[in-house]
Amino acid sequence: MNEHERHRQRVYKRFLREGLAGFEEHNAMEFLLFLAHVRGDTNEIAHAVIDRFGSLSRALDAPYEDLITVKGIGPTSAVVLKFIPQMCAYYLENKTKKNEKLNSSERMADYLRPKFFGKTAEEFYMVALDEKSNILRCVQISAGTGNATSVAASKIVAEAVKAEAAAVVLAHNHPRGSAMPSASDLCATRAVMNALETVGVTLLDHLIFTETEYLSFADSIYLQRIRDGLPGAQR
């Protein structure tokens, strides 16, 4: 066993003993790169990746095409790094009980949060529920770039009717911003609410997620103001 192999064994044992909490960013990146580099030293590559992108999280969010420009990061390493956020999201979603009733904003948030884990562009989802708040289906309505995505009320209505939904929950993310709704968020929510009412479907909530928090229209003033048609709901 050479020095590099002994070093890996020490890192493995430290991880099993302590977890990742005490790891510096470059140590955690080095550990990830062990998965792509069966042998050899990955410490220098880990430092290069962190230096290039500024942090481990930014490196994991970086496009594949940017990752492979770093010396020592080939196609396999880049795929491993892109795999990690997706696996975390998959784990969180898989852990969520699919048959849990979404009868509170907290349960809605727990169910929907994994959809936006590690996402760097806005995405918009609709969850169709039956009259007992059981999940019938969850559909991605649109995906945009940066901090903009389109919301088609007609598509949401079509998906709700297809699912024979009694109620609908909407959700989208603000990857780089605040959870506060924008003027376009309020207008889109009002348009969807009005469109759903024509087919007898209730809009229960609209959740906006950031990397660290979420806002529920139902728990705040926004949904009621939209229902009442009050100023500030149509900004």
Protein backbone atom coordinates (compact mmCIF):
# COMPACT_ATOMS: atom_id res chain seq x y z
CA MET A 1 0.00 0.00 0.00
CA ASN A 2 1.51 3.31 -1.10
CA GLU A 3 1.14 6.70 0.64
CA HIS A 4 -1.88 7.75 -1.46
CA GLU A 5 -3.72 4.56 -0.56
CA ARG A 6 -2.87 4.98 3.13
CA HIS A 7 -4.16 8.56 2.95
CA ARG A 8 -7.46 7.33 1.48
CA GLN A 9 -7.83 4.80 4.24
CA ARG A 10 -7.31 7.54 6.82
CA VAL A 11 -9.96 9.71 5.14
CA TYR A 12 -12.41 6.79 4.96
CA LYS A 13 -11.91 6.00 8.65
CA ARG A 14 -12.31 9.66 9.60
CA PHE A 15 -15.57 9.86 7.63
CA LEU A 16 -16.95 6.72 9.28
CA ARG A 17 -15.93 8.01 12.68
CA GLU A 18 -16.95 11.69 12.40
CA GLY A 19 -19.08 12.12 9.27
CA LEU A 20 -18.51 15.08 6.96
CA ALA A 21 -19.25 17.83 9.49
CA GLY A 22 -15.59 18.43 10.38
CA PHE A 23 -14.27 18.27 6.82
CA GLU A 24 -12.92 21.39 5.12
CA GLU A 25 -14.43 22.02 1.68
CA HIS A 26 -11.37 20.76 -0.17
CA ASN A 27 -11.34 17.61 2.01
CA ALA A 28 -14.98 16.90 1.15
CA MET A 29 -14.27 17.53 -2.54
CA GLU A 30 -11.25 15.25 -2.36
CA PHE A 31 -13.47 12.53 -0.87
CA LEU A 32 -15.94 12.91 -3.75
CA LEU A 33 -13.17 12.65 -6.28
CA PHE A 34 -12.09 9.33 -4.76
CA LEU A 35 -15.22 7.95 -6.46
CA ALA A 36 -13.93 8.93 -9.88
CA HIS A 37 -10.20 8.37 -9.33
CA VAL A 38 -9.62 4.81 -8.20
CA ARG A 39 -5.97 5.54 -7.48
CA GLY A 40 -3.72 8.52 -7.07
CA ASP A 41 -3.80 11.87 -5.31
CA THR A 42 -6.96 13.94 -5.68
CA ASN A 43 -6.05 16.62 -3.13
CA GLU A 44 -4.52 18.97 -5.69
CA ILE A 45 -7.50 18.54 -8.02
CA ALA A 46 -9.90 19.24 -5.14
CA HIS A 47 -8.10 22.50 -4.36
CA ALA A 48 -8.19 23.45 -8.05
CA VAL A 49 -11.96 22.85 -8.23
CA ILE A 50 -12.68 24.91 -5.10
CA ASP A 51 -10.38 27.70 -6.27
CA ARG A 52 -12.03 27.75 -9.70
CA PHE A 53 -15.64 27.96 -8.49
CA GLY A 54 -15.25 29.52 -5.06
CA SER A 55 -16.96 26.86 -2.96
CA LEU A 56 -17.99 23.22 -3.00
CA SER A 57 -21.66 24.06 -3.52
CA ARG A 58 -20.89 26.31 -6.48
CA ALA A 59 -18.76 23.58 -7.99
CA LEU A 60 -21.60 21.07 -7.68
CA ASP A 61 -23.97 23.59 -9.27
CA ALA A 62 -21.56 24.38 -12.13
CA PRO A 63 -22.36 23.14 -15.64
CA TYR A 64 -20.65 19.96 -16.81
CA GLU A 65 -18.95 21.95 -19.58
CA ASP A 66 -17.31 24.25 -17.01
CA LEU A 67 -16.23 21.41 -14.72
CA ILE A 68 -14.22 19.64 -17.41
CA THR A 69 -12.16 22.80 -17.99
CA VAL A 70 -10.47 22.27 -14.61
CA LYS A 71 -7.16 20.42 -14.86
CA GLY A 72 -7.63 16.86 -13.58
CA ILE A 73 -11.41 16.85 -14.00
CA GLY A 74 -12.30 14.55 -16.86
CA PRO A 75 -15.72 13.35 -18.01
CA THR A 76 -16.04 10.74 -15.24
CA SER A 77 -15.15 13.19 -12.46
CA ALA A 78 -17.54 15.79 -13.87
CA VAL A 79 -20.38 13.26 -14.00
CA VAL A 80 -19.70 12.25 -10.38
CA LEU A 81 -19.88 15.88 -9.26
CA LYS A 82 -23.11 16.48 -11.19
CA PHE A 83 -24.51 13.24 -9.74
CA ILE A 84 -24.19 14.31 -6.09
CA PRO A 85 -26.91 17.04 -5.94
CA GLN A 86 -29.24 14.86 -8.01
CA MET A 87 -28.74 11.92 -5.65
CA CYS A 88 -29.39 14.17 -2.63
CA ALA A 89 -32.65 15.35 -4.20
CA TYR A 90 -33.58 11.77 -5.13
CA TYR A 91 -32.91 10.65 -1.57
CA LEU A 92 -35.07 13.40 -0.06
CA GLU A 93 -37.91 12.75 -2.47
CA ASN A 94 -37.70 8.99 -2.00
CA LYS A 95 -37.79 9.47 1.77
CA THR A 96 -41.03 11.44 1.56
CA LYS A 97 -44.11 9.32 2.11
CA LYS A 98 -45.94 9.27 -1.21
CA ASN A 99 -49.25 8.54 0.49
CA GLU A 100 -49.02 11.34 3.04
CA LYS A 101 -51.89 13.80 3.02
CA LEU A 102 -50.86 17.31 2.01
CA ASN A 103 -53.24 19.01 4.43
CA SER A 104 -50.86 21.68 5.76
CA SER A 105 -48.26 24.01 4.31
CA GLU A 106 -45.56 22.20 6.29
CA ARG A 107 -46.44 18.87 4.68
CA MET A 108 -46.65 20.52 1.27
CA ALA A 109 -43.20 22.02 1.80
CA ASP A 110 -41.71 18.70 2.93
CA TYR A 111 -43.09 17.00 -0.17
CA LEU A 112 -42.11 19.71 -2.68
CA ARG A 113 -38.75 20.90 -1.33
CA PRO A 114 -36.76 18.02 -2.92
CA LYS A 115 -38.01 19.09 -6.37
CA PHE A 116 -35.92 22.23 -6.08
CA PHE A 117 -32.85 20.85 -4.31
CA GLY A 118 -29.70 22.01 -6.07
CA LYS A 119 -31.65 23.69 -8.89
CA THR A 120 -30.06 26.83 -10.35
CA ALA A 121 -32.96 27.82 -12.63
CA GLU A 122 -36.62 28.42 -11.89
CA GLU A 123 -38.98 25.46 -12.17
CA PHE A 124 -42.73 25.35 -11.66
CA TYR A 125 -44.72 22.38 -10.33
CA MET A 126 -48.35 21.53 -9.76
CA VAL A 127 -49.59 18.91 -7.29
CA ALA A 128 -53.07 17.53 -7.91
CA LEU A 129 -54.99 16.40 -4.80
CA ASP A 130 -58.23 14.56 -4.22
CA GLU A 131 -60.97 15.78 -1.87
CA LYS A 132 -59.10 14.22 1.11
CA SER A 133 -55.79 15.93 0.24
CA ASN A 134 -54.20 12.71 -1.04
CA ILE A 135 -51.66 13.18 -3.81
CA LEU A 136 -52.96 12.18 -7.23
CA ARG A 137 -49.95 13.31 -9.23
CA CYS A 138 -47.18 15.91 -9.33
CA VAL A 139 -46.37 17.55 -12.65
CA GLN A 140 -43.60 19.88 -13.76
CA ILE A 141 -45.37 22.69 -15.60
CA SER A 142 -42.32 24.57 -16.84
CA ALA A 143 -38.58 25.03 -16.40
CA GLY A 144 -36.74 28.22 -17.22
CA THR A 145 -33.26 29.65 -17.01
CA GLY A 146 -31.80 31.92 -14.36
CA ASN A 147 -34.71 33.36 -12.42
CA ALA A 148 -37.56 33.22 -14.92
CA THR A 149 -40.01 30.57 -16.05
CA SER A 150 -43.36 30.64 -17.76
CA VAL A 151 -46.63 29.60 -16.16
CA ALA A 152 -49.44 28.47 -18.45
CA ALA A 153 -52.81 28.52 -16.68
CA SER A 154 -54.30 26.43 -19.46
CA LYS A 155 -51.72 23.68 -18.95
CA ILE A 156 -52.35 23.62 -15.21
CA VAL A 157 -56.11 23.35 -15.77
CA ALA A 158 -55.58 20.55 -18.31
CA GLU A 159 -53.36 18.59 -15.90
CA ALA A 160 -55.83 19.12 -13.02
CA VAL A 161 -58.74 17.88 -15.13
CA LYS A 162 -56.70 14.91 -16.36
CA ALA A 163 -55.95 13.94 -12.75
CA GLU A 164 -59.60 14.49 -11.73
CA ALA A 165 -58.30 16.77 -8.99
CA ALA A 166 -60.42 18.45 -6.36
CA ALA A 167 -57.63 20.83 -5.43
CA VAL A 168 -54.22 21.98 -6.60
CA VAL A 169 -51.02 23.20 -4.96
CA LEU A 170 -48.53 25.26 -6.97
CA ALA A 171 -44.83 25.63 -6.26
CA HIS A 172 -41.82 27.27 -7.84
CA ASN A 173 -38.38 28.40 -6.77
CA HIS A 174 -36.33 31.58 -6.62
CA PRO A 175 -32.84 30.08 -6.88
CA ARG A 176 -30.90 33.25 -6.16
CA GLY A 177 -33.49 35.49 -4.53
CA SER A 178 -35.98 36.06 -1.78
CA ALA A 179 -39.05 33.91 -1.15
CA MET A 180 -41.25 37.01 -1.41
CA PRO A 181 -43.54 36.85 -4.45
CA SER A 182 -42.90 39.16 -7.37
CA ALA A 183 -45.60 41.09 -9.20
CA SER A 184 -45.57 38.45 -11.93
CA ASP A 185 -45.91 35.67 -9.30
CA LEU A 186 -49.05 37.34 -7.93
CA CYS A 187 -50.55 37.91 -11.36
CA ALA A 188 -49.81 34.33 -12.44
CA THR A 189 -51.35 32.93 -9.26
CA ARG A 190 -54.51 34.98 -9.78
CA ALA A 191 -54.78 33.82 -13.40
CA VAL A 192 -54.38 30.18 -12.38
CA MET A 193 -56.90 30.52 -9.53
CA ASN A 194 -59.49 32.02 -11.87
CA ALA A 195 -58.86 29.36 -14.53
CA LEU A 196 -59.16 26.52 -12.01
CA GLU A 197 -62.43 27.91 -10.67
CA THR A 198 -64.02 27.49 -14.12
CA VAL A 199 -63.57 23.71 -13.81
CA GLY A 200 -64.46 23.48 -10.11
CA VAL A 201 -60.92 22.98 -8.78
CA THR A 202 -59.65 24.84 -5.70
CA LEU A 203 -56.21 26.42 -5.51
CA LEU A 204 -55.09 25.52 -1.97
CA ASP A 205 -51.66 27.13 -1.90
CA HIS A 206 -48.70 28.43 -3.83
CA LEU A 207 -45.26 27.86 -2.30
CA ILE A 208 -42.08 29.71 -3.26
CA PHE A 209 -38.78 28.07 -2.32
CA THR A 210 -35.29 29.52 -1.99
CA GLU A 211 -32.16 27.60 -1.03
CA THR A 212 -32.92 28.08 2.68
CA GLU A 213 -36.60 28.91 3.17
CA TYR A 214 -40.07 28.91 1.67
CA LEU A 215 -43.16 31.11 1.66
CA SER A 216 -46.73 29.83 1.66
CA PHE A 217 -49.36 32.04 0.02
CA ALA A 218 -52.02 30.38 2.21
CA ASP A 219 -50.15 31.06 5.46
CA SER A 220 -49.44 34.68 4.49
CA ILE A 221 -51.75 37.41 3.22
CA TYR A 222 -51.27 36.70 -0.45
CA LEU A 223 -53.78 33.95 -1.22
CA GLN A 224 -56.65 35.64 0.61
CA ARG A 225 -55.90 38.99 -1.03
CA ILE A 226 -55.92 37.30 -4.43
CA ARG A 227 -59.26 35.62 -3.61
CA ASP A 228 -60.70 38.94 -2.47
CA GLY A 229 -59.30 40.81 -5.46
CA LEU A 230 -57.70 43.37 -3.16
CA PRO A 231 -55.02 45.89 -4.16
CA GLY A 232 -51.55 44.41 -3.80
CA ALA A 233 -52.68 41.06 -5.17
CA GLN A 234 -52.56 42.33 -8.72
CA ARG A 235 -49.42 44.43 -8.64
